[in-house]
Amino acid sequence: MDAAEIFKKVRKIEIKTRGLSNQIFSGQYHSIFKGRGMAFSEVREYQYGDDIRNIDWNVTARFNHPYIKIFEEERELTVMLLIDVSGSNEFGTKGTLKEDMITEIAAVLAFSAIQNNDKVGVIFFSNQIEKFIPPKKGTSHILRIIRELVDFRTENQGTNIAESLKFLTNAIKKKCTIFILSDFLDTGFEEALQIANNKHDVIAIKIYDKRETELPNIGLAKFKDAETGRNIWVDTSSAMMQKTYRDWFDNTEKYLKRVFMKSGVDVARIRTDEDYVKPLINLFKRREARL
């Protein structure tokens, strides 16, 4: 992809996702992903029922009358996007690749964050850490992130979610909101996920394709594992093979459900042939209902 094509694609994604963020997500984002601390704002005279622990003794002594400190919620957050760039995301059967869906959703979340004056950072991962963009504010920073999402390519095709979470936990000391955007075709990340969610606020966004849920009957076909590069011939008309494929997907979903529930991590499941707006709004509503 040359520079002109990259610019055109970035611009297209910017227009679409910025619009969605303005119209739909920013208000919900503001109410749900609130600051984690309280900042001193001003003082006022003490009123009956006020918490005496908030009395400002210096001002009280100066005016010989009790005054209390007023605090307001700190709005600034740090949002980290963990982006899976492994080979399995270069897949899609209904006109949209998983990696394209991930790019758009990441852009919507990033624009929602900067409109609330938050910092946004990104970690690209495969079976290792591919790139780390430290959190910053501003539209130009978000456009850089989108350019990286559009143009980033890795030679490493595997997936290691645990490694990305360990890196983030070590790199970001302040509590932040983490969105993991992945197809989650990985195992063994339960402990790293739990540790990360104990320190931060972790949200999983699973992107998958319809053809990963069922095997189409197209006779004898050659399949390639995008992460290992291995080719295999499969008789898709075989009832046993179709059942094995369905069982694999069902078992994967059960495993993920168990992991997310145990770790206390919210999750949105989004299919490549469906609109991602509704699942994201439902995710936000579920979180809002718990506030």
C-alpha atoms as a PDB file:
ATOM      1  CA  MET A   1       0.000   0.000   0.000  1.00  0.00           C
ATOM      2  CA  ASP A   2       1.576   3.303  -1.101  1.00  0.00           C
ATOM      3  CA  ALA A   3       1.427   6.612   0.803  1.00  0.00           C
ATOM      4  CA  ALA A   4      -1.580   7.935  -1.178  1.00  0.00           C
ATOM      5  CA  GLU A   5      -3.606   4.772  -0.510  1.00  0.00           C
ATOM      6  CA  ILE A   6      -2.714   4.861   3.189  1.00  0.00           C
ATOM      7  CA  PHE A   7      -3.768   8.524   3.446  1.00  0.00           C
ATOM      8  CA  LYS A   8      -7.060   7.801   1.661  1.00  0.00           C
ATOM      9  CA  LYS A   9      -7.861   4.850   3.945  1.00  0.00           C
ATOM     10  CA  VAL A  10      -6.886   6.761   7.105  1.00  0.00           C
ATOM     11  CA  ARG A  11      -9.093   9.681   6.053  1.00  0.00           C
ATOM     12  CA  LYS A  12     -12.043   7.365   5.353  1.00  0.00           C
ATOM     13  CA  ILE A  13     -11.694   5.684   8.745  1.00  0.00           C
ATOM     14  CA  GLU A  14     -11.283   9.058  10.478  1.00  0.00           C
ATOM     15  CA  ILE A  15     -14.503  10.471   8.983  1.00  0.00           C
ATOM     16  CA  LYS A  16     -16.567   7.394   9.838  1.00  0.00           C
ATOM     17  CA  THR A  17     -15.246   6.726  13.329  1.00  0.00           C
ATOM     18  CA  ARG A  18     -15.050  10.355  14.445  1.00  0.00           C
ATOM     19  CA  GLY A  19     -18.705  10.752  13.418  1.00  0.00           C
ATOM     20  CA  LEU A  20     -19.761   7.661  15.355  1.00  0.00           C
ATOM     21  CA  SER A  21     -17.797   8.826  18.371  1.00  0.00           C
ATOM     22  CA  ASN A  22     -19.409  12.284  18.284  1.00  0.00           C
ATOM     23  CA  GLN A  23     -22.960  11.015  17.787  1.00  0.00           C
ATOM     24  CA  ILE A  24     -23.054   7.862  19.859  1.00  0.00           C
ATOM     25  CA  PHE A  25     -20.145   6.970  22.095  1.00  0.00           C
ATOM     26  CA  SER A  26     -18.654  10.090  23.661  1.00  0.00           C
ATOM     27  CA  GLY A  27     -21.515  10.710  26.111  1.00  0.00           C
ATOM     28  CA  GLN A  28     -21.590   7.115  27.303  1.00  0.00           C
ATOM     29  CA  TYR A  29     -17.805   6.971  27.442  1.00  0.00           C
ATOM     30  CA  HIS A  30     -17.797  10.091  29.632  1.00  0.00           C
ATOM     31  CA  SER A  31     -20.315   8.688  32.113  1.00  0.00           C
ATOM     32  CA  ILE A  32     -18.829   5.176  32.317  1.00  0.00           C
ATOM     33  CA  PHE A  33     -15.058   5.547  32.166  1.00  0.00           C
ATOM     34  CA  LYS A  34     -14.668   8.141  34.891  1.00  0.00           C
ATOM     35  CA  GLY A  35     -11.541   9.387  36.557  1.00  0.00           C
ATOM     36  CA  ARG A  36     -10.239   7.259  39.376  1.00  0.00           C
ATOM     37  CA  GLY A  37      -9.357  10.037  41.865  1.00  0.00           C
ATOM     38  CA  MET A  38     -10.603  13.273  43.362  1.00  0.00           C
ATOM     39  CA  ALA A  39      -8.922  16.639  42.867  1.00  0.00           C
ATOM     40  CA  PHE A  40      -9.228  19.626  45.225  1.00  0.00           C
ATOM     41  CA  SER A  41     -11.378  22.323  43.636  1.00  0.00           C
ATOM     42  CA  GLU A  42     -12.360  25.046  46.155  1.00  0.00           C
ATOM     43  CA  VAL A  43     -13.557  25.728  49.706  1.00  0.00           C
ATOM     44  CA  ARG A  44     -16.941  26.816  51.038  1.00  0.00           C
ATOM     45  CA  GLU A  45     -18.476  27.406  54.450  1.00  0.00           C
ATOM     46  CA  TYR A  46     -19.267  24.315  56.488  1.00  0.00           C
ATOM     47  CA  GLN A  47     -22.933  23.243  56.392  1.00  0.00           C
ATOM     48  CA  TYR A  48     -24.742  20.866  58.713  1.00  0.00           C
ATOM     49  CA  GLY A  49     -24.231  17.305  57.538  1.00  0.00           C
ATOM     50  CA  ASP A  50     -20.887  17.908  55.766  1.00  0.00           C
ATOM     51  CA  ASP A  51     -18.119  15.384  56.373  1.00  0.00           C
ATOM     52  CA  ILE A  52     -15.864  16.901  59.058  1.00  0.00           C
ATOM     53  CA  ARG A  53     -12.909  15.032  57.548  1.00  0.00           C
ATOM     54  CA  ASN A  54     -13.035  17.549  54.675  1.00  0.00           C
ATOM     55  CA  ILE A  55     -12.613  20.604  56.912  1.00  0.00           C
ATOM     56  CA  ASP A  56      -9.801  22.877  55.719  1.00  0.00           C
ATOM     57  CA  TRP A  57      -8.185  23.779  59.028  1.00  0.00           C
ATOM     58  CA  ASN A  58      -5.933  26.484  57.618  1.00  0.00           C
ATOM     59  CA  VAL A  59      -8.842  28.452  56.111  1.00  0.00           C
ATOM     60  CA  THR A  60     -10.979  27.768  59.184  1.00  0.00           C
ATOM     61  CA  ALA A  61      -8.293  29.227  61.460  1.00  0.00           C
ATOM     62  CA  ARG A  62      -7.860  32.278  59.245  1.00  0.00           C
ATOM     63  CA  PHE A  63     -11.567  33.202  59.241  1.00  0.00           C
ATOM     64  CA  ASN A  64     -12.458  31.740  62.637  1.00  0.00           C
ATOM     65  CA  HIS A  65     -15.317  29.856  60.998  1.00  0.00           C
ATOM     66  CA  PRO A  66     -15.365  26.284  59.642  1.00  0.00           C
ATOM     67  CA  TYR A  67     -14.749  25.810  55.913  1.00  0.00           C
ATOM     68  CA  ILE A  68     -14.612  22.529  54.025  1.00  0.00           C
ATOM     69  CA  LYS A  69     -12.728  21.466  50.917  1.00  0.00           C
ATOM     70  CA  ILE A  70     -14.763  20.737  47.795  1.00  0.00           C
ATOM     71  CA  PHE A  71     -13.421  18.012  45.543  1.00  0.00           C
ATOM     72  CA  GLU A  72     -14.256  17.198  41.962  1.00  0.00           C
ATOM     73  CA  GLU A  73     -13.627  14.005  40.093  1.00  0.00           C
ATOM     74  CA  GLU A  74     -10.418  13.887  38.105  1.00  0.00           C
ATOM     75  CA  ARG A  75     -11.524  13.428  34.514  1.00  0.00           C
ATOM     76  CA  GLU A  76      -8.254  12.563  32.860  1.00  0.00           C
ATOM     77  CA  LEU A  77      -7.787   8.879  32.110  1.00  0.00           C
ATOM     78  CA  THR A  78      -5.213   6.836  30.298  1.00  0.00           C
ATOM     79  CA  VAL A  79      -6.684   4.441  27.730  1.00  0.00           C
ATOM     80  CA  MET A  80      -4.527   1.634  26.347  1.00  0.00           C
ATOM     81  CA  LEU A  81      -5.484  -0.293  23.216  1.00  0.00           C
ATOM     82  CA  LEU A  82      -3.964  -3.779  22.988  1.00  0.00           C
ATOM     83  CA  ILE A  83      -4.192  -4.658  19.291  1.00  0.00           C
ATOM     84  CA  ASP A  84      -3.780  -8.256  18.105  1.00  0.00           C
ATOM     85  CA  VAL A  85      -1.869  -8.196  14.778  1.00  0.00           C
ATOM     86  CA  SER A  86      -1.374 -11.970  14.488  1.00  0.00           C
ATOM     87  CA  GLY A  87      -1.992 -13.863  11.258  1.00  0.00           C
ATOM     88  CA  SER A  88      -5.449 -15.156  12.211  1.00  0.00           C
ATOM     89  CA  ASN A  89      -6.870 -11.623  11.971  1.00  0.00           C
ATOM     90  CA  GLU A  90      -6.147 -11.512   8.233  1.00  0.00           C
ATOM     91  CA  PHE A  91      -9.380 -13.453   7.748  1.00  0.00           C
ATOM     92  CA  GLY A  92     -12.907 -12.530   6.761  1.00  0.00           C
ATOM     93  CA  THR A  93     -15.533 -14.079   4.509  1.00  0.00           C
ATOM     94  CA  LYS A  94     -18.195 -11.358   4.207  1.00  0.00           C
ATOM     95  CA  GLY A  95     -16.153  -8.486   2.808  1.00  0.00           C
ATOM     96  CA  THR A  96     -14.608  -7.378   6.113  1.00  0.00           C
ATOM     97  CA  LEU A  97     -11.395  -8.786   7.546  1.00  0.00           C
ATOM     98  CA  LYS A  98     -11.091  -9.128  11.297  1.00  0.00           C
ATOM     99  CA  GLU A  99      -8.134  -6.731  11.238  1.00  0.00           C
ATOM    100  CA  ASP A 100     -10.241  -4.073   9.450  1.00  0.00           C
ATOM    101  CA  MET A 101     -12.972  -4.368  12.084  1.00  0.00           C
ATOM    102  CA  ILE A 102     -10.362  -4.071  14.831  1.00  0.00           C
ATOM    103  CA  THR A 103      -8.965  -0.920  13.193  1.00  0.00           C
ATOM    104  CA  GLU A 104     -12.367   0.805  13.061  1.00  0.00           C
ATOM    105  CA  ILE A 105     -13.328  -0.077  16.631  1.00  0.00           C
ATOM    106  CA  ALA A 106      -9.932   1.045  17.927  1.00  0.00           C
ATOM    107  CA  ALA A 107     -10.376   4.369  16.112  1.00  0.00           C
ATOM    108  CA  VAL A 108     -13.866   4.903  17.610  1.00  0.00           C
ATOM    109  CA  LEU A 109     -12.549   4.234  21.118  1.00  0.00           C
ATOM    110  CA  ALA A 110      -9.542   6.499  20.560  1.00  0.00           C
ATOM    111  CA  PHE A 111     -11.664   9.432  19.318  1.00  0.00           C
ATOM    112  CA  SER A 112     -14.087   8.957  22.236  1.00  0.00           C
ATOM    113  CA  ALA A 113     -11.133   9.118  24.630  1.00  0.00           C
ATOM    114  CA  ILE A 114      -9.506  12.279  23.259  1.00  0.00           C
ATOM    115  CA  GLN A 115     -12.862  14.087  23.149  1.00  0.00           C
ATOM    116  CA  ASN A 116     -12.908  13.576  26.916  1.00  0.00           C
ATOM    117  CA  ASN A 117      -9.353  14.900  27.221  1.00  0.00           C
ATOM    118  CA  ASP A 118      -7.876  11.470  27.933  1.00  0.00           C
ATOM    119  CA  LYS A 119      -4.554  10.019  26.843  1.00  0.00           C
ATOM    120  CA  VAL A 120      -4.457   7.078  24.422  1.00  0.00           C
ATOM    121  CA  GLY A 121      -1.644   4.589  23.897  1.00  0.00           C
ATOM    122  CA  VAL A 122      -1.323   1.409  21.837  1.00  0.00           C
ATOM    123  CA  ILE A 123       0.454  -1.910  22.055  1.00  0.00           C
ATOM    124  CA  PHE A 124       0.587  -4.035  18.891  1.00  0.00           C
ATOM    125  CA  PHE A 125       1.201  -7.677  19.708  1.00  0.00           C
ATOM    126  CA  SER A 126       1.514 -11.040  17.986  1.00  0.00           C
ATOM    127  CA  ASN A 127       3.441 -13.769  19.791  1.00  0.00           C
ATOM    128  CA  GLN A 128       5.662 -10.900  20.962  1.00  0.00           C
ATOM    129  CA  ILE A 129       5.414  -7.139  21.494  1.00  0.00           C
ATOM    130  CA  GLU A 130       5.551  -5.595  18.023  1.00  0.00           C
ATOM    131  CA  LYS A 131       5.205  -1.890  18.783  1.00  0.00           C
ATOM    132  CA  PHE A 132       4.488   0.353  21.763  1.00  0.00           C
ATOM    133  CA  ILE A 133       3.057   3.854  21.273  1.00  0.00           C
ATOM    134  CA  PRO A 134       3.095   5.648  24.654  1.00  0.00           C
ATOM    135  CA  PRO A 135      -0.143   7.384  25.718  1.00  0.00           C
ATOM    136  CA  LYS A 136      -0.635  10.983  24.584  1.00  0.00           C
ATOM    137  CA  LYS A 137      -3.472  13.389  23.882  1.00  0.00           C
ATOM    138  CA  GLY A 138      -4.571  15.096  20.687  1.00  0.00           C
ATOM    139  CA  THR A 139      -6.046  14.467  17.254  1.00  0.00           C
ATOM    140  CA  SER A 140      -2.659  14.239  15.517  1.00  0.00           C
ATOM    141  CA  HIS A 141      -1.694  11.450  17.919  1.00  0.00           C
ATOM    142  CA  ILE A 142      -4.907   9.544  17.121  1.00  0.00           C
ATOM    143  CA  LEU A 143      -4.319   9.923  13.376  1.00  0.00           C
ATOM    144  CA  ARG A 144      -0.826   8.497  13.870  1.00  0.00           C
ATOM    145  CA  ILE A 145      -2.378   5.509  15.652  1.00  0.00           C
ATOM    146  CA  ILE A 146      -4.850   4.978  12.786  1.00  0.00           C
ATOM    147  CA  ARG A 147      -2.031   5.169  10.235  1.00  0.00           C
ATOM    148  CA  GLU A 148      -0.144   2.510  12.178  1.00  0.00           C
ATOM    149  CA  LEU A 149      -3.276   0.336  12.365  1.00  0.00           C
ATOM    150  CA  VAL A 150      -3.798   0.616   8.603  1.00  0.00           C
ATOM    151  CA  ASP A 151      -0.195   0.071   7.552  1.00  0.00           C
ATOM    152  CA  PHE A 152       1.281  -2.125  10.272  1.00  0.00           C
ATOM    153  CA  ARG A 153       2.514  -5.525   9.149  1.00  0.00           C
ATOM    154  CA  THR A 154       4.315  -8.172  11.145  1.00  0.00           C
ATOM    155  CA  GLU A 155       6.316 -11.212  10.144  1.00  0.00           C
ATOM    156  CA  ASN A 156       5.336 -12.965  13.371  1.00  0.00           C
ATOM    157  CA  GLN A 157       2.022 -14.750  12.895  1.00  0.00           C
ATOM    158  CA  GLY A 158       1.416 -16.299  16.324  1.00  0.00           C
ATOM    159  CA  THR A 159      -0.532 -14.929  19.322  1.00  0.00           C
ATOM    160  CA  ASN A 160       0.583 -14.405  22.921  1.00  0.00           C
ATOM    161  CA  ILE A 161      -1.984 -12.392  24.885  1.00  0.00           C
ATOM    162  CA  ALA A 162      -0.247 -13.085  28.201  1.00  0.00           C
ATOM    163  CA  GLU A 163       2.957 -11.443  26.952  1.00  0.00           C
ATOM    164  CA  SER A 164       1.122  -8.261  25.920  1.00  0.00           C
ATOM    165  CA  LEU A 165      -0.602  -8.012  29.316  1.00  0.00           C
ATOM    166  CA  LYS A 166       2.653  -8.544  31.226  1.00  0.00           C
ATOM    167  CA  PHE A 167       4.367  -5.859  29.136  1.00  0.00           C
ATOM    168  CA  LEU A 168       1.534  -3.393  29.763  1.00  0.00           C
ATOM    169  CA  THR A 169       1.448  -4.090  33.504  1.00  0.00           C
ATOM    170  CA  ASN A 170       5.169  -3.292  33.684  1.00  0.00           C
ATOM    171  CA  ALA A 171       5.092  -0.305  31.283  1.00  0.00           C
ATOM    172  CA  ILE A 172       2.023   1.565  32.631  1.00  0.00           C
ATOM    173  CA  LYS A 173       2.207   2.234  36.364  1.00  0.00           C
ATOM    174  CA  LYS A 174      -0.854   4.479  36.707  1.00  0.00           C
ATOM    175  CA  LYS A 175      -4.243   2.763  36.699  1.00  0.00           C
ATOM    176  CA  CYS A 176      -5.751   2.868  33.210  1.00  0.00           C
ATOM    177  CA  THR A 177      -8.579   1.509  31.072  1.00  0.00           C
ATOM    178  CA  ILE A 178      -7.451  -1.293  28.739  1.00  0.00           C
ATOM    179  CA  PHE A 179      -9.268  -2.508  25.639  1.00  0.00           C
ATOM    180  CA  ILE A 180      -7.962  -5.805  24.222  1.00  0.00           C
ATOM    181  CA  LEU A 181      -9.044  -6.148  20.584  1.00  0.00           C
ATOM    182  CA  SER A 182      -8.420  -9.697  19.412  1.00  0.00           C
ATOM    183  CA  ASP A 183      -9.996 -12.889  18.084  1.00  0.00           C
ATOM    184  CA  PHE A 184      -8.673 -14.508  21.300  1.00  0.00           C
ATOM    185  CA  LEU A 185      -7.450 -17.643  19.524  1.00  0.00           C
ATOM    186  CA  ASP A 186      -4.999 -18.226  22.335  1.00  0.00           C
ATOM    187  CA  THR A 187      -4.825 -19.927  25.724  1.00  0.00           C
ATOM    188  CA  GLY A 188      -2.784 -19.670  28.892  1.00  0.00           C
ATOM    189  CA  PHE A 189      -3.395 -15.976  29.560  1.00  0.00           C
ATOM    190  CA  GLU A 190      -5.739 -16.396  32.552  1.00  0.00           C
ATOM    191  CA  GLU A 191      -3.236 -15.402  35.245  1.00  0.00           C
ATOM    192  CA  ALA A 192      -1.865 -12.409  33.298  1.00  0.00           C
ATOM    193  CA  LEU A 193      -5.424 -11.204  32.639  1.00  0.00           C
ATOM    194  CA  GLN A 194      -6.387 -11.439  36.298  1.00  0.00           C
ATOM    195  CA  ILE A 195      -3.245  -9.587  37.427  1.00  0.00           C
ATOM    196  CA  ALA A 196      -3.840  -6.848  34.837  1.00  0.00           C
ATOM    197  CA  ASN A 197      -7.494  -6.420  35.820  1.00  0.00           C
ATOM    198  CA  ASN A 198      -6.599  -6.216  39.518  1.00  0.00           C
ATOM    199  CA  LYS A 199      -4.418  -3.203  38.714  1.00  0.00           C
ATOM    200  CA  HIS A 200      -6.316  -1.705  35.766  1.00  0.00           C
ATOM    201  CA  ASP A 201      -9.801  -1.820  34.207  1.00  0.00           C
ATOM    202  CA  VAL A 202      -9.651  -4.416  31.426  1.00  0.00           C
ATOM    203  CA  ILE A 203     -12.288  -4.818  28.702  1.00  0.00           C
ATOM    204  CA  ALA A 204     -12.160  -7.560  26.049  1.00  0.00           C
ATOM    205  CA  ILE A 205     -13.496  -7.063  22.535  1.00  0.00           C
ATOM    206  CA  LYS A 206     -13.569 -10.362  20.658  1.00  0.00           C
ATOM    207  CA  ILE A 207     -13.752 -10.123  16.867  1.00  0.00           C
ATOM    208  CA  TYR A 208     -14.738 -13.262  14.997  1.00  0.00           C
ATOM    209  CA  ASP A 209     -16.013 -14.391  11.596  1.00  0.00           C
ATOM    210  CA  LYS A 210     -19.148 -16.393  10.833  1.00  0.00           C
ATOM    211  CA  ARG A 211     -17.080 -19.077   9.123  1.00  0.00           C
ATOM    212  CA  GLU A 212     -15.248 -19.687  12.386  1.00  0.00           C
ATOM    213  CA  THR A 213     -18.508 -20.884  13.952  1.00  0.00           C
ATOM    214  CA  GLU A 214     -19.452 -23.448  11.296  1.00  0.00           C
ATOM    215  CA  LEU A 215     -17.756 -25.289   8.453  1.00  0.00           C
ATOM    216  CA  PRO A 216     -19.407 -24.759   5.031  1.00  0.00           C
ATOM    217  CA  ASN A 217     -20.074 -27.848   2.917  1.00  0.00           C
ATOM    218  CA  ILE A 218     -17.843 -27.190  -0.120  1.00  0.00           C
ATOM    219  CA  GLY A 219     -16.399 -30.676  -0.538  1.00  0.00           C
ATOM    220  CA  LEU A 220     -12.668 -31.326  -0.374  1.00  0.00           C
ATOM    221  CA  ALA A 221     -10.851 -28.056   0.334  1.00  0.00           C
ATOM    222  CA  LYS A 222      -7.354 -26.940   1.302  1.00  0.00           C
ATOM    223  CA  PHE A 223      -7.097 -24.843   4.460  1.00  0.00           C
ATOM    224  CA  LYS A 224      -4.114 -22.867   5.691  1.00  0.00           C
ATOM    225  CA  ASP A 225      -3.461 -22.049   9.330  1.00  0.00           C
ATOM    226  CA  ALA A 226      -2.633 -18.334   9.196  1.00  0.00           C
ATOM    227  CA  GLU A 227      -0.527 -18.508  12.360  1.00  0.00           C
ATOM    228  CA  THR A 228       1.512 -21.660  11.667  1.00  0.00           C
ATOM    229  CA  GLY A 229       1.480 -21.547   7.849  1.00  0.00           C
ATOM    230  CA  ARG A 230       0.545 -25.245   7.736  1.00  0.00           C
ATOM    231  CA  ASN A 231      -1.722 -26.450   4.900  1.00  0.00           C
ATOM    232  CA  ILE A 232      -4.247 -29.243   5.380  1.00  0.00           C
ATOM    233  CA  TRP A 233      -6.867 -30.877   3.145  1.00  0.00           C
ATOM    234  CA  VAL A 234     -10.307 -31.138   4.730  1.00  0.00           C
ATOM    235  CA  ASP A 235     -13.423 -32.989   3.607  1.00  0.00           C
ATOM    236  CA  THR A 236     -15.983 -30.340   4.542  1.00  0.00           C
ATOM    237  CA  SER A 237     -18.884 -32.609   3.551  1.00  0.00           C
ATOM    238  CA  SER A 238     -18.016 -35.012   6.380  1.00  0.00           C
ATOM    239  CA  ALA A 239     -20.590 -34.844   9.193  1.00  0.00           C
ATOM    240  CA  MET A 240     -17.895 -35.818  11.672  1.00  0.00           C
ATOM    241  CA  MET A 241     -15.588 -33.065  10.466  1.00  0.00           C
ATOM    242  CA  GLN A 242     -18.375 -30.466  10.698  1.00  0.00           C
ATOM    243  CA  LYS A 243     -19.184 -31.616  14.243  1.00  0.00           C
ATOM    244  CA  THR A 244     -15.486 -31.466  15.211  1.00  0.00           C
ATOM    245  CA  TYR A 245     -15.295 -27.908  13.867  1.00  0.00           C
ATOM    246  CA  ARG A 246     -18.442 -26.816  15.757  1.00  0.00           C
ATOM    247  CA  ASP A 247     -17.181 -28.466  18.943  1.00  0.00           C
ATOM    248  CA  TRP A 248     -13.856 -26.616  18.607  1.00  0.00           C
ATOM    249  CA  PHE A 249     -15.624 -23.250  18.394  1.00  0.00           C
ATOM    250  CA  ASP A 250     -18.034 -24.073  21.243  1.00  0.00           C
ATOM    251  CA  ASN A 251     -15.193 -25.242  23.491  1.00  0.00           C
ATOM    252  CA  THR A 252     -13.194 -22.109  22.684  1.00  0.00           C
ATOM    253  CA  GLU A 253     -16.180 -19.922  23.641  1.00  0.00           C
ATOM    254  CA  LYS A 254     -16.726 -21.846  26.891  1.00  0.00           C
ATOM    255  CA  TYR A 255     -13.055 -21.459  27.769  1.00  0.00           C
ATOM    256  CA  LEU A 256     -13.115 -17.694  27.112  1.00  0.00           C
ATOM    257  CA  LYS A 257     -16.355 -17.222  29.034  1.00  0.00           C
ATOM    258  CA  ARG A 258     -14.829 -18.992  32.018  1.00  0.00           C
ATOM    259  CA  VAL A 259     -11.622 -16.946  31.824  1.00  0.00           C
ATOM    260  CA  PHE A 260     -13.406 -13.580  31.509  1.00  0.00           C
ATOM    261  CA  MET A 261     -15.852 -14.394  34.293  1.00  0.00           C
ATOM    262  CA  LYS A 262     -13.119 -15.542  36.679  1.00  0.00           C
ATOM    263  CA  SER A 263     -11.045 -12.424  35.944  1.00  0.00           C
ATOM    264  CA  GLY A 264     -14.027 -10.060  36.217  1.00  0.00           C
ATOM    265  CA  VAL A 265     -13.440  -8.735  32.703  1.00  0.00           C
ATOM    266  CA  ASP A 266     -16.295  -7.324  30.595  1.00  0.00           C
ATOM    267  CA  VAL A 267     -16.476  -8.602  27.024  1.00  0.00           C
ATOM    268  CA  ALA A 268     -18.187  -7.654  23.761  1.00  0.00           C
ATOM    269  CA  ARG A 269     -18.376 -10.236  20.965  1.00  0.00           C
ATOM    270  CA  ILE A 270     -18.530  -8.725  17.468  1.00  0.00           C
ATOM    271  CA  ARG A 271     -18.870 -10.622  14.182  1.00  0.00           C
ATOM    272  CA  THR A 272     -17.243  -9.262  11.030  1.00  0.00           C
ATOM    273  CA  ASP A 273     -20.493  -9.306   9.006  1.00  0.00           C
ATOM    274  CA  GLU A 274     -22.421  -7.370  11.679  1.00  0.00           C
ATOM    275  CA  ASP A 275     -22.533  -3.723  12.715  1.00  0.00           C
ATOM    276  CA  TYR A 276     -20.204  -3.157  15.670  1.00  0.00           C
ATOM    277  CA  VAL A 277     -22.155  -0.170  17.022  1.00  0.00           C
ATOM    278  CA  LYS A 278     -24.864  -2.184  18.816  1.00  0.00           C
ATOM    279  CA  PRO A 279     -22.504  -4.582  20.675  1.00  0.00           C
ATOM    280  CA  LEU A 280     -20.379  -1.633  21.850  1.00  0.00           C
ATOM    281  CA  ILE A 281     -23.431   0.302  23.049  1.00  0.00           C
ATOM    282  CA  ASN A 282     -24.665  -2.819  24.873  1.00  0.00           C
ATOM    283  CA  LEU A 283     -21.232  -3.144  26.507  1.00  0.00           C
ATOM    284  CA  PHE A 284     -21.399   0.457  27.690  1.00  0.00           C
ATOM    285  CA  LYS A 285     -24.979   0.010  28.977  1.00  0.00           C
ATOM    286  CA  ARG A 286     -24.018  -3.079  30.985  1.00  0.00           C
ATOM    287  CA  ARG A 287     -21.215  -1.159  32.648  1.00  0.00           C
ATOM    288  CA  GLU A 288     -23.451   1.877  33.240  1.00  0.00           C
ATOM    289  CA  ALA A 289     -26.073  -0.325  34.948  1.00  0.00           C
ATOM    290  CA  ARG A 290     -23.481  -1.369  37.546  1.00  0.00           C
ATOM    291  CA  LEU A 291     -22.472   2.194  38.448  1.00  0.00           C
END
